Amino acid sequence: MSEQEEPKTRQFCPYCDEEMLAPDGAGCGTCGITVFYCPQCRSPIPRDQRKCPECGAEVKGEQA
């Protein structure tokens, strides 16, 4: 039996709540936004969040 990749979990855009169909999950095809991920649990998070809503990890964003 050949090695198979584990099925990826479905990812939803934190802005429009539509399922993201991009293979890398880098962006939402529906609203066109670039999606950022928690460095600890890899859940998609809104850019304005400083803590992950899933695991509570601190998220460092770019300074404007």
Protein backbone atom coordinates (compact mmCIF):
# COMPACT_ATOMS: atom_id res chain seq x y z
CA MET A 1 0.00 0.00 0.00
CA SER A 2 1.43 3.40 -0.94
CA GLU A 3 1.71 6.25 1.53
CA GLN A 4 -1.26 8.55 1.53
CA GLU A 5 -1.42 12.10 2.80
CA GLU A 6 -3.67 12.70 5.76
CA PRO A 7 -6.84 14.51 4.73
CA LYS A 8 -6.65 18.21 5.48
CA THR A 9 -9.26 19.73 7.70
CA ARG A 10 -11.68 22.09 6.05
CA GLN A 11 -10.69 25.71 6.50
CA PHE A 12 -13.07 28.64 6.55
CA CYS A 13 -12.29 32.29 5.94
CA PRO A 14 -12.36 34.28 9.20
CA TYR A 15 -13.83 37.26 7.30
CA CYS A 16 -16.65 35.85 5.16
CA ASP A 17 -17.01 32.33 6.70
CA GLU A 18 -16.88 30.65 3.26
CA GLU A 19 -14.82 27.49 2.83
CA MET A 20 -11.37 28.26 1.44
CA LEU A 21 -10.65 26.05 -1.54
CA ALA A 22 -7.04 27.11 -2.19
CA PRO A 23 -4.76 24.11 -1.69
CA ASP A 24 -2.41 26.04 0.61
CA GLY A 25 -5.16 27.97 2.41
CA ALA A 26 -3.27 31.21 1.80
CA GLY A 27 -6.25 33.17 0.59
CA CYS A 28 -10.00 33.21 0.31
CA GLY A 29 -11.34 32.80 -3.21
CA THR A 30 -14.67 34.33 -2.24
CA CYS A 31 -13.62 37.62 -0.66
CA GLY A 32 -10.04 37.68 -2.04
CA ILE A 33 -8.38 38.41 1.30
CA THR A 34 -5.01 36.99 2.39
CA VAL A 35 -5.53 34.84 5.46
CA PHE A 36 -3.14 34.74 8.41
CA TYR A 37 -2.63 31.74 10.68
CA CYS A 38 -1.87 31.24 14.36
CA PRO A 39 1.81 30.34 14.84
CA GLN A 40 0.86 27.75 17.46
CA CYS A 41 -2.28 25.92 16.28
CA ARG A 42 -2.35 27.03 12.61
CA SER A 43 -6.00 28.14 12.77
CA PRO A 44 -6.95 31.02 10.44
CA ILE A 45 -7.28 34.31 12.34
CA PRO A 46 -8.45 37.82 11.48
CA ARG A 47 -5.62 40.32 11.00
CA ASP A 48 -6.86 42.59 13.77
CA GLN A 49 -6.63 39.87 16.45
CA ARG A 50 -3.69 39.86 18.85
CA LYS A 51 -4.67 36.52 20.41
CA CYS A 52 -5.78 33.38 18.63
CA PRO A 53 -9.51 32.75 19.18
CA GLU A 54 -8.86 28.98 19.12
CA CYS A 55 -5.87 28.45 21.43
CA GLY A 56 -5.23 31.88 23.00
CA ALA A 57 -1.66 32.15 21.66
CA GLU A 58 -0.27 35.66 21.27
CA VAL A 59 -0.13 36.74 17.63
CA LYS A 60 2.43 39.30 16.53
CA GLY A 61 1.31 41.50 13.65
CA GLU A 62 3.16 43.98 11.50
CA GLN A 63 3.51 47.47 12.88
CA ALA A 64 2.07 50.14 10.59
